[in-house]
């Protein structure tokens, strides 16, 4: 009986293995009616983003968080390297800003930048019409201009935050031109046409004295 049980168990395992292999071959056979092409291919994405973020400052043990908004437009291109794993890289332009009123004064800050993100992305094809693409990577950001605008009683003062003499005169700190950081997120690609997604990002170096940036990206894109 013991030998019979072993023989039966072995037969069941071999049969299950044969069915699995046959099913895999059948689903990957382009002449089969149930064929599904789930292989990863290169694709690009034009996108727009909303970028809510925080300017985080640490000063003598106390912290100050200033909320900013941001909008971006750009494009990325994914190239598979090992199966569904590959590199996704591109460029985007950003406008970061805030608008705040205190008493009779209105403060406006804005910054124009360009970023180059480079990510490792896993293109998980759930079906032919739907993919989940988690990613993690690094970015570099170059800041072209940054201004602080103060409006009081019809008057208007504008400070260039990259101009050392002007910033010192008005009591502002100068900012650095170049930042780098990391990001992690996930995109959902629908019918290889539309992509929606979100990510968290954080600078690894300070933009000003004891001040760095971190926030989120909310993405809507079109694939090509």
Protein backbone atom coordinates (compact mmCIF):
# COMPACT_ATOMS: atom_id res chain seq x y z
CA UNK A 1 0.00 0.00 0.00
CA UNK A 2 2.88 2.31 0.85
CA UNK A 3 4.47 1.82 -2.60
CA UNK A 4 1.10 2.34 -4.25
CA UNK A 5 0.64 5.64 -2.38
CA UNK A 6 4.05 6.88 -3.49
CA UNK A 7 3.34 5.87 -7.07
CA UNK A 8 -0.04 7.63 -7.01
CA UNK A 9 1.45 10.80 -5.53
CA UNK A 10 4.24 10.84 -8.13
CA UNK A 11 1.74 10.33 -10.94
CA UNK A 12 -0.43 13.21 -9.73
CA UNK A 13 2.58 15.54 -9.49
CA UNK A 14 3.77 14.60 -12.98
CA UNK A 15 0.28 15.11 -14.36
CA UNK A 16 -0.05 18.52 -12.70
CA UNK A 17 3.33 19.53 -14.06
CA UNK A 18 2.37 18.43 -17.55
CA UNK A 19 -0.87 20.42 -17.42
CA UNK A 20 0.96 23.53 -16.24
CA UNK A 21 3.59 23.32 -18.96
CA UNK A 22 0.92 22.68 -21.59
CA UNK A 23 -1.10 25.66 -20.40
CA UNK A 24 1.96 27.92 -20.50
CA UNK A 25 2.83 26.81 -24.00
CA UNK A 26 -0.76 27.25 -25.12
CA UNK A 27 -1.07 30.79 -23.69
CA UNK A 28 2.23 31.80 -25.31
CA UNK A 29 1.34 30.33 -28.68
CA UNK A 30 0.46 33.26 -31.02
CA UNK A 31 -1.74 30.92 -33.07
CA UNK A 32 -3.83 30.02 -30.05
CA UNK A 33 -7.21 31.67 -29.49
CA UNK A 34 -6.27 32.39 -25.85
CA UNK A 35 -2.90 33.92 -26.71
CA UNK A 36 -2.00 36.95 -24.57
CA UNK A 37 1.08 39.04 -25.31
CA UNK A 38 2.35 39.96 -21.85
CA UNK A 39 5.94 40.67 -22.82
CA UNK A 40 7.37 44.09 -22.02
CA UNK A 41 8.25 46.47 -24.83
CA UNK A 42 9.76 49.94 -24.99
CA UNK A 43 7.27 52.78 -24.60
CA UNK A 44 7.25 56.49 -23.92
CA UNK A 45 4.99 58.75 -21.86
CA UNK A 46 4.12 62.43 -22.22
CA UNK A 47 2.72 63.62 -18.90
CA UNK A 48 1.59 66.45 -16.64
CA UNK A 49 2.05 66.38 -12.86
CA UNK A 50 0.78 68.13 -9.77
CA UNK A 51 3.61 68.45 -7.23
CA UNK A 52 2.51 69.37 -3.68
CA UNK A 53 5.64 69.62 -1.53
CA UNK A 54 7.22 71.06 1.59
CA UNK A 55 10.22 73.31 2.14
CA UNK A 56 11.57 71.88 5.40
CA UNK A 57 13.88 74.11 7.44
CA UNK A 58 15.74 73.16 10.62
CA UNK A 59 17.07 76.09 12.65
CA UNK A 60 18.67 75.65 16.08
CA UNK A 61 16.64 72.55 16.85
CA UNK A 62 13.29 73.92 15.67
CA UNK A 63 11.66 73.05 12.36
CA UNK A 64 9.56 75.11 9.98
CA UNK A 65 7.53 73.55 7.17
CA UNK A 66 6.30 75.76 4.34
CA UNK A 67 3.80 74.23 1.93
CA UNK A 68 4.32 74.80 -1.79
CA UNK A 69 2.47 73.75 -4.92
CA UNK A 70 3.99 72.71 -8.22
CA UNK A 71 3.11 71.76 -11.77
CA UNK A 72 5.31 69.88 -14.24
CA UNK A 73 5.25 68.70 -17.84
CA UNK A 74 7.67 66.19 -19.33
CA UNK A 75 8.26 62.85 -20.96
CA UNK A 76 9.88 59.52 -20.04
CA UNK A 77 10.96 56.53 -22.10
CA UNK A 78 11.15 52.96 -20.81
CA UNK A 79 13.55 50.35 -22.20
CA UNK A 80 13.36 46.73 -20.90
CA UNK A 81 16.75 45.20 -20.08
CA UNK A 82 16.08 41.95 -18.21
CA UNK A 83 12.64 40.66 -19.10
CA UNK A 84 10.16 43.07 -17.52
CA UNK A 85 12.84 44.99 -15.61
CA UNK A 86 14.36 48.02 -17.29
CA UNK A 87 15.31 51.69 -17.16
CA UNK A 88 12.93 54.63 -17.40
CA UNK A 89 14.45 58.09 -17.99
CA UNK A 90 13.40 61.48 -19.30
CA UNK A 91 13.20 65.20 -18.57
CA UNK A 92 10.58 67.56 -17.16
CA UNK A 93 10.10 71.26 -16.58
CA UNK A 94 8.74 72.43 -13.23
CA UNK A 95 7.11 75.53 -11.77
CA UNK A 96 7.06 75.54 -7.94
CA UNK A 97 5.11 78.26 -6.16
CA UNK A 98 3.20 79.49 -3.13
CA UNK A 99 0.87 82.41 -2.39
CA UNK A 100 0.31 83.53 1.20
CA UNK A 101 -1.31 86.58 2.80
CA UNK A 102 -0.36 87.83 6.27
CA UNK A 103 -2.22 90.92 7.41
CA UNK A 104 -1.73 93.60 4.78
CA UNK A 105 1.18 91.78 3.14
CA UNK A 106 1.02 89.23 0.36
CA UNK A 107 4.00 86.93 -0.23
CA UNK A 108 4.57 85.09 -3.50
CA UNK A 109 7.42 82.67 -4.10
CA UNK A 110 8.16 80.88 -7.35
CA UNK A 111 10.92 78.80 -8.90
CA UNK A 112 11.45 77.48 -12.42
CA UNK A 113 13.44 74.24 -12.72
CA UNK A 114 14.23 71.31 -14.97
CA UNK A 115 14.66 67.74 -13.71
CA UNK A 116 16.16 64.58 -15.17
CA UNK A 117 14.78 61.43 -13.48
CA UNK A 118 16.41 58.03 -14.01
CA UNK A 119 14.48 55.06 -12.57
CA UNK A 120 14.57 51.29 -12.41
CA UNK A 121 11.07 50.17 -13.40
CA UNK A 122 9.35 46.79 -13.32
CA UNK A 123 6.69 46.50 -16.03
CA UNK A 124 4.21 44.02 -14.57
CA UNK A 125 1.72 43.20 -17.33
CA UNK A 126 -1.46 42.02 -15.63
CA UNK A 127 -3.35 41.72 -18.92
CA UNK A 128 -2.80 42.96 -22.45
CA UNK A 129 -4.69 46.11 -21.55
CA UNK A 130 -3.41 46.81 -18.04
CA UNK A 131 0.05 47.08 -16.46
CA UNK A 132 1.37 48.01 -13.02
CA UNK A 133 4.77 49.73 -13.12
CA UNK A 134 6.48 50.25 -9.73
CA UNK A 135 9.77 52.14 -9.87
CA UNK A 136 12.56 53.63 -7.77
CA UNK A 137 15.34 55.94 -8.84
CA UNK A 138 17.27 59.19 -8.65
CA UNK A 139 16.86 62.64 -10.16
CA UNK A 140 18.86 65.79 -10.71
CA UNK A 141 17.17 69.21 -10.71
CA UNK A 142 18.61 72.48 -11.99
CA UNK A 143 16.95 75.69 -10.78
CA UNK A 144 16.91 78.42 -13.42
CA UNK A 145 15.24 81.18 -11.43
CA UNK A 146 13.73 81.76 -7.97
CA UNK A 147 11.97 84.90 -6.75
CA UNK A 148 10.34 86.19 -3.61
CA UNK A 149 7.69 88.87 -4.18
CA UNK A 150 6.21 90.98 -1.38
CA UNK A 151 3.21 93.21 -2.00
CA UNK A 152 2.24 95.78 0.66
CA UNK A 153 -0.25 98.65 0.19
CA UNK A 154 0.12 98.73 -3.57
CA UNK A 155 3.92 98.51 -3.41
CA UNK A 156 5.85 95.57 -4.76
CA UNK A 157 9.35 94.28 -3.91
CA UNK A 158 10.92 91.46 -5.90
CA UNK A 159 14.07 89.62 -4.81
CA UNK A 160 16.14 87.29 -6.95
CA UNK A 161 17.07 84.46 -4.58
CA UNK A 162 20.13 83.53 -6.64
CA UNK A 163 21.57 87.05 -6.44
CA UNK A 164 23.84 87.12 -3.36
CA UNK A 165 23.97 90.91 -3.00
CA UNK A 166 20.22 91.38 -3.44
CA UNK A 167 19.33 88.51 -1.12
CA UNK A 168 21.73 89.77 1.56
CA UNK A 169 20.35 93.32 1.31
CA UNK A 170 16.77 92.14 1.89
CA UNK A 171 17.71 89.58 4.51
CA UNK A 172 17.07 86.48 2.40
CA UNK A 173 19.28 83.45 1.94
CA UNK A 174 20.61 82.58 -1.48
CA UNK A 175 19.55 79.25 -2.95
CA UNK A 176 21.63 76.61 -4.70
CA UNK A 177 21.17 75.97 -8.39
CA UNK A 178 21.51 72.18 -8.38
CA UNK A 179 19.65 69.56 -6.31
CA UNK A 180 19.62 65.79 -6.46
CA UNK A 181 17.39 63.29 -4.72
CA UNK A 182 15.51 60.01 -4.82
CA UNK A 183 11.96 58.97 -5.65
CA UNK A 184 9.75 55.91 -5.44
CA UNK A 185 6.34 55.40 -6.98
CA UNK A 186 3.98 53.33 -9.07
CA UNK A 187 2.19 53.95 -12.37
CA UNK A 188 -0.87 52.22 -13.79
CA UNK A 189 -0.90 51.91 -17.59
CA UNK A 190 -4.28 51.37 -19.24
CA UNK A 191 -4.60 49.96 -22.78
CA UNK A 192 -1.05 51.20 -23.51
CA UNK A 193 -2.64 54.62 -24.00
CA UNK A 194 -3.15 56.32 -20.62
CA UNK A 195 -0.95 56.30 -17.51
CA UNK A 196 -1.90 57.50 -14.03
CA UNK A 197 0.40 57.28 -11.04
CA UNK A 198 1.90 58.74 -7.91
CA UNK A 199 5.32 59.01 -6.28
CA UNK A 200 7.12 60.32 -3.20
CA UNK A 201 10.37 62.23 -3.65
CA UNK A 202 12.94 63.94 -1.44
CA UNK A 203 16.06 66.01 -2.05
CA UNK A 204 19.30 64.61 -0.68
CA UNK A 205 21.05 67.99 -0.45
CA UNK A 206 19.91 71.35 0.89
CA UNK A 207 18.57 74.03 -1.41
CA UNK A 208 19.41 76.68 1.17
CA UNK A 209 20.90 76.80 4.63
CA UNK A 210 19.38 73.86 6.56
CA UNK A 211 16.48 73.76 4.08
CA UNK A 212 15.47 70.86 1.86
CA UNK A 213 12.47 69.81 -0.20
CA UNK A 214 10.25 66.72 -0.20
CA UNK A 215 6.83 65.98 -1.60
CA UNK A 216 4.62 64.02 -3.97
CA UNK A 217 4.02 63.70 -7.70
CA UNK A 218 0.53 62.99 -9.06
CA UNK A 219 0.81 62.04 -12.73
CA UNK A 220 -1.49 61.84 -15.75
CA UNK A 221 0.13 60.83 -19.02
CA UNK A 222 -0.38 59.65 -22.57
CA UNK A 223 1.71 56.77 -23.94
CA UNK A 224 3.37 56.47 -27.32
